[in-house]
């Protein structure tokens, strides 16, 4: 399992970004190896979002983001935002409420 974390700073209309991200989400859901993701908006900083996605493995993630059908999604999101994408492979610590 790998976790992809991408922080977005939206420079265009937030509603348009969210709509484009929803379309991108539909693309990812259909990709082999996709597990789940969440797009969250910052509570106090308008235009600040984070996407946290889980993939079965790094190869599945890389195959999805290099798929030719992903390019239009990436271009549309880049037109409305900047991002800081990172892929994490190892859980160091995890706790849950009992």
N, C-alpha and C. Protein backbone atom coordinates (compact mmCIF):
# COMPACT_ATOMS: atom_id res chain seq x y z
N UNK A 1 0.85 -1.18 0.00
CA UNK A 1 0.00 0.00 0.00
C UNK A 1 0.89 1.24 0.00
N UNK A 2 0.53 2.22 -0.83
CA UNK A 2 1.21 3.51 -0.83
C UNK A 2 0.16 4.61 -0.66
N UNK A 3 0.60 5.75 -0.15
CA UNK A 3 -0.28 6.89 0.05
C UNK A 3 0.26 8.07 -0.73
N UNK A 4 -0.60 8.66 -1.54
CA UNK A 4 -0.27 9.84 -2.32
C UNK A 4 -0.90 11.05 -1.65
N UNK A 5 -0.10 12.06 -1.34
CA UNK A 5 -0.59 13.28 -0.71
C UNK A 5 -0.24 14.44 -1.63
N UNK A 6 -1.26 15.20 -2.01
CA UNK A 6 -1.06 16.32 -2.92
C UNK A 6 -1.75 17.55 -2.35
N UNK A 7 -0.94 18.57 -2.02
CA UNK A 7 -1.49 19.83 -1.51
C UNK A 7 -1.71 20.77 -2.69
N UNK A 8 -2.90 21.36 -2.77
CA UNK A 8 -3.25 22.29 -3.83
C UNK A 8 -3.45 23.68 -3.27
N UNK A 9 -2.97 24.68 -4.00
CA UNK A 9 -3.32 26.07 -3.75
C UNK A 9 -4.09 26.53 -4.98
N UNK A 10 -5.36 26.76 -4.78
CA UNK A 10 -6.25 27.10 -5.89
C UNK A 10 -6.14 28.59 -6.20
N UNK A 11 -5.85 28.88 -7.46
CA UNK A 11 -5.69 30.26 -7.91
C UNK A 11 -6.87 30.72 -8.74
N UNK A 12 -7.74 29.78 -9.11
CA UNK A 12 -8.94 30.10 -9.87
C UNK A 12 -10.16 29.92 -8.99
N UNK A 13 -11.34 29.88 -9.61
CA UNK A 13 -12.57 29.69 -8.83
C UNK A 13 -12.59 28.33 -8.13
N UNK A 14 -12.84 28.33 -6.83
CA UNK A 14 -12.83 27.10 -6.04
C UNK A 14 -13.88 26.11 -6.53
N UNK A 15 -15.06 26.59 -6.88
CA UNK A 15 -16.12 25.69 -7.34
C UNK A 15 -15.71 24.98 -8.63
N UNK A 16 -15.05 25.69 -9.50
CA UNK A 16 -14.57 25.09 -10.76
C UNK A 16 -13.49 24.05 -10.48
N UNK A 17 -12.57 24.36 -9.56
CA UNK A 17 -11.54 23.40 -9.17
C UNK A 17 -12.19 22.13 -8.62
N UNK A 18 -13.17 22.28 -7.73
CA UNK A 18 -13.81 21.11 -7.13
C UNK A 18 -14.53 20.27 -8.18
N UNK A 19 -15.15 20.92 -9.14
CA UNK A 19 -15.83 20.20 -10.22
C UNK A 19 -14.81 19.44 -11.08
N UNK A 20 -13.70 20.09 -11.41
CA UNK A 20 -12.66 19.40 -12.19
C UNK A 20 -12.05 18.25 -11.40
N UNK A 21 -11.88 18.46 -10.11
CA UNK A 21 -11.32 17.39 -9.29
C UNK A 21 -12.27 16.20 -9.24
N UNK A 22 -13.56 16.46 -9.21
CA UNK A 22 -14.54 15.37 -9.22
C UNK A 22 -14.42 14.54 -10.49
N UNK A 23 -14.18 15.19 -11.62
CA UNK A 23 -13.97 14.48 -12.88
C UNK A 23 -12.68 13.66 -12.84
N UNK A 24 -11.64 14.24 -12.25
CA UNK A 24 -10.37 13.53 -12.09
C UNK A 24 -10.55 12.33 -11.18
N UNK A 25 -11.34 12.50 -10.14
CA UNK A 25 -11.62 11.41 -9.21
C UNK A 25 -12.26 10.24 -9.96
N UNK A 26 -13.21 10.52 -10.84
CA UNK A 26 -13.86 9.46 -11.60
C UNK A 26 -12.85 8.70 -12.46
N UNK A 27 -11.88 9.42 -13.01
CA UNK A 27 -10.82 8.77 -13.78
C UNK A 27 -10.03 7.81 -12.88
N UNK A 28 -9.60 8.29 -11.70
CA UNK A 28 -8.78 7.46 -10.82
C UNK A 28 -9.52 6.24 -10.29
N UNK A 29 -10.79 6.40 -9.96
CA UNK A 29 -11.57 5.28 -9.43
C UNK A 29 -11.58 4.12 -10.41
N UNK A 30 -11.51 4.40 -11.69
CA UNK A 30 -11.55 3.36 -12.72
C UNK A 30 -10.18 2.71 -12.98
N UNK A 31 -9.13 3.20 -12.33
CA UNK A 31 -7.77 2.70 -12.58
C UNK A 31 -7.45 1.50 -11.70
N UNK A 32 -6.80 0.48 -12.28
CA UNK A 32 -6.39 -0.68 -11.48
C UNK A 32 -5.44 -0.26 -10.36
N UNK A 33 -5.67 -0.79 -9.18
CA UNK A 33 -4.81 -0.50 -8.03
C UNK A 33 -5.28 0.66 -7.17
N UNK A 34 -6.27 1.42 -7.62
CA UNK A 34 -6.81 2.51 -6.82
C UNK A 34 -7.61 1.93 -5.66
N UNK A 35 -7.42 2.48 -4.46
CA UNK A 35 -8.15 2.00 -3.28
C UNK A 35 -9.18 3.04 -2.84
N UNK A 36 -8.74 4.25 -2.54
CA UNK A 36 -9.64 5.29 -2.03
C UNK A 36 -8.91 6.62 -2.02
N UNK A 37 -9.68 7.70 -1.94
CA UNK A 37 -9.06 9.02 -1.75
C UNK A 37 -10.05 9.97 -1.10
N UNK A 38 -9.50 11.05 -0.59
CA UNK A 38 -10.28 12.12 0.03
C UNK A 38 -9.71 13.45 -0.40
N UNK A 39 -10.56 14.35 -0.83
CA UNK A 39 -10.16 15.74 -1.08
C UNK A 39 -10.72 16.56 0.07
N UNK A 40 -9.82 17.28 0.74
CA UNK A 40 -10.23 18.09 1.90
C UNK A 40 -9.87 19.55 1.66
N UNK A 41 -10.75 20.44 2.11
CA UNK A 41 -10.52 21.89 2.03
C UNK A 41 -10.07 22.37 3.40
N UNK A 42 -9.08 23.24 3.42
CA UNK A 42 -8.56 23.78 4.68
C UNK A 42 -9.65 24.56 5.39
N UNK A 43 -9.72 24.41 6.70
CA UNK A 43 -10.76 25.07 7.50
C UNK A 43 -10.61 26.59 7.53
N UNK A 44 -9.39 27.09 7.49
CA UNK A 44 -9.17 28.53 7.68
C UNK A 44 -8.48 29.23 6.52
N UNK A 45 -8.06 28.49 5.51
CA UNK A 45 -7.34 29.08 4.39
C UNK A 45 -8.08 28.80 3.08
N UNK A 46 -8.90 29.74 2.63
CA UNK A 46 -9.61 29.53 1.38
C UNK A 46 -8.63 29.24 0.24
N UNK A 47 -8.99 28.29 -0.58
CA UNK A 47 -8.14 27.96 -1.72
C UNK A 47 -7.07 26.93 -1.41
N UNK A 48 -7.02 26.44 -0.18
CA UNK A 48 -6.03 25.44 0.20
C UNK A 48 -6.73 24.09 0.38
N UNK A 49 -6.27 23.10 -0.39
CA UNK A 49 -6.86 21.76 -0.38
C UNK A 49 -5.75 20.72 -0.23
N UNK A 50 -6.14 19.53 0.19
CA UNK A 50 -5.22 18.40 0.19
C UNK A 50 -5.99 17.17 -0.28
N UNK A 51 -5.36 16.41 -1.15
CA UNK A 51 -5.88 15.13 -1.60
C UNK A 51 -5.01 14.04 -0.99
N UNK A 52 -5.65 13.08 -0.32
CA UNK A 52 -4.95 11.94 0.24
C UNK A 52 -5.53 10.70 -0.43
N UNK A 53 -4.68 9.96 -1.15
CA UNK A 53 -5.14 8.80 -1.91
C UNK A 53 -4.35 7.56 -1.53
N UNK A 54 -5.03 6.44 -1.50
CA UNK A 54 -4.37 5.17 -1.23
C UNK A 54 -4.40 4.33 -2.50
N UNK A 55 -3.25 3.72 -2.77
CA UNK A 55 -3.10 2.84 -3.93
C UNK A 55 -2.53 1.52 -3.45
N UNK A 56 -2.82 0.45 -4.18
CA UNK A 56 -2.30 -0.87 -3.80
C UNK A 56 -0.78 -0.90 -3.84
N UNK A 57 -0.19 -0.20 -4.81
CA UNK A 57 1.27 -0.18 -4.92
C UNK A 57 1.70 1.01 -5.78
N UNK A 58 2.98 1.33 -5.71
CA UNK A 58 3.52 2.49 -6.43
C UNK A 58 3.38 2.31 -7.93
N UNK A 59 3.51 1.10 -8.43
CA UNK A 59 3.41 0.86 -9.87
C UNK A 59 2.02 1.21 -10.39
N UNK A 60 0.98 0.84 -9.65
CA UNK A 60 -0.39 1.18 -10.05
C UNK A 60 -0.58 2.69 -10.10
N UNK A 61 -0.08 3.38 -9.08
CA UNK A 61 -0.18 4.84 -9.05
C UNK A 61 0.54 5.45 -10.26
N UNK A 62 1.76 5.02 -10.50
CA UNK A 62 2.54 5.58 -11.61
C UNK A 62 1.91 5.29 -12.96
N UNK A 63 1.34 4.09 -13.11
CA UNK A 63 0.65 3.75 -14.36
C UNK A 63 -0.53 4.70 -14.57
N UNK A 64 -1.26 5.00 -13.52
CA UNK A 64 -2.44 5.87 -13.64
C UNK A 64 -2.04 7.29 -14.03
N UNK A 65 -1.01 7.83 -13.38
CA UNK A 65 -0.65 9.24 -13.66
C UNK A 65 0.12 9.40 -14.96
N UNK A 66 0.59 8.31 -15.55
CA UNK A 66 1.24 8.41 -16.86
C UNK A 66 0.32 7.94 -17.99
N UNK A 67 -0.88 7.53 -17.64
CA UNK A 67 -1.87 7.11 -18.64
C UNK A 67 -2.21 8.32 -19.52
N UNK A 68 -2.27 8.14 -20.83
CA UNK A 68 -2.57 9.29 -21.71
C UNK A 68 -3.89 9.99 -21.38
N UNK A 69 -4.86 9.27 -20.87
CA UNK A 69 -6.15 9.89 -20.53
C UNK A 69 -6.10 10.76 -19.29
N UNK A 70 -5.01 10.68 -18.53
CA UNK A 70 -4.87 11.53 -17.35
C UNK A 70 -4.38 12.93 -17.72
N UNK A 71 -3.66 13.08 -18.80
CA UNK A 71 -3.06 14.36 -19.18
C UNK A 71 -4.06 15.52 -19.22
N UNK A 72 -5.24 15.37 -19.81
CA UNK A 72 -6.20 16.49 -19.80
C UNK A 72 -6.65 16.88 -18.39
N UNK A 73 -6.78 15.90 -17.51
CA UNK A 73 -7.17 16.19 -16.12
C UNK A 73 -6.07 17.01 -15.44
N UNK A 74 -4.84 16.57 -15.60
CA UNK A 74 -3.71 17.27 -14.98
C UNK A 74 -3.61 18.70 -15.50
N UNK A 75 -3.78 18.88 -16.79
CA UNK A 75 -3.69 20.21 -17.39
C UNK A 75 -4.80 21.13 -16.86
N UNK A 76 -5.99 20.60 -16.75
CA UNK A 76 -7.12 21.41 -16.26
C UNK A 76 -6.91 21.83 -14.81
N UNK A 77 -6.43 20.89 -13.98
CA UNK A 77 -6.17 21.24 -12.58
C UNK A 77 -5.02 22.24 -12.46
N UNK A 78 -3.99 22.08 -13.28
CA UNK A 78 -2.85 23.02 -13.26
C UNK A 78 -3.27 24.42 -13.69
N UNK A 79 -4.29 24.52 -14.53
CA UNK A 79 -4.76 25.83 -14.98
C UNK A 79 -5.42 26.61 -13.84
N UNK A 80 -5.87 25.89 -12.80
CA UNK A 80 -6.59 26.53 -11.69
C UNK A 80 -5.84 26.48 -10.37
N UNK A 81 -4.66 25.81 -10.35
CA UNK A 81 -3.99 25.63 -9.06
C UNK A 81 -2.52 25.30 -9.25
N UNK A 82 -1.80 25.40 -8.13
CA UNK A 82 -0.46 24.84 -8.05
C UNK A 82 -0.56 23.67 -7.08
N UNK A 83 0.41 22.76 -7.16
CA UNK A 83 0.31 21.60 -6.27
C UNK A 83 1.68 21.15 -5.81
N UNK A 84 1.66 20.37 -4.74
CA UNK A 84 2.87 19.80 -4.15
C UNK A 84 2.61 18.31 -3.93
N UNK A 85 2.85 17.47 -4.98
CA UNK A 85 2.54 16.05 -4.88
C UNK A 85 3.69 15.24 -4.27
N UNK A 86 3.32 14.25 -3.43
CA UNK A 86 4.31 13.38 -2.79
C UNK A 86 3.73 11.99 -2.61
N UNK A 87 4.57 10.97 -2.82
CA UNK A 87 4.17 9.58 -2.65
C UNK A 87 4.89 9.01 -1.43
N UNK A 88 4.12 8.42 -0.53
CA UNK A 88 4.67 7.85 0.71
C UNK A 88 4.46 6.35 0.69
N UNK A 89 5.48 5.60 1.16
CA UNK A 89 5.41 4.15 1.09
C UNK A 89 5.43 3.44 2.43
N UNK A 90 5.83 4.11 3.47
CA UNK A 90 5.99 3.42 4.73
C UNK A 90 5.22 4.13 5.84
N UNK A 91 4.38 3.38 6.55
CA UNK A 91 3.70 3.92 7.72
C UNK A 91 4.66 3.79 8.91
N UNK A 92 4.97 4.89 9.52
CA UNK A 92 5.86 4.89 10.68
C UNK A 92 5.07 4.66 11.96
N UNK A 93 3.91 5.29 12.06
CA UNK A 93 3.08 5.15 13.27
C UNK A 93 1.64 5.41 12.89
N UNK A 94 0.75 4.60 13.43
CA UNK A 94 -0.68 4.80 13.23
C UNK A 94 -1.40 4.45 14.52
N UNK A 95 -2.27 5.34 14.96
CA UNK A 95 -3.09 5.08 16.16
C UNK A 95 -4.52 5.44 15.84
N UNK A 96 -5.41 4.74 16.49
CA UNK A 96 -6.84 5.02 16.35
C UNK A 96 -7.46 5.03 17.74
N UNK A 97 -8.51 5.79 17.85
CA UNK A 97 -9.25 5.83 19.10
C UNK A 97 -9.87 4.46 19.36
N UNK A 98 -9.90 4.07 20.63
CA UNK A 98 -10.50 2.77 20.94
C UNK A 98 -11.92 2.88 21.41
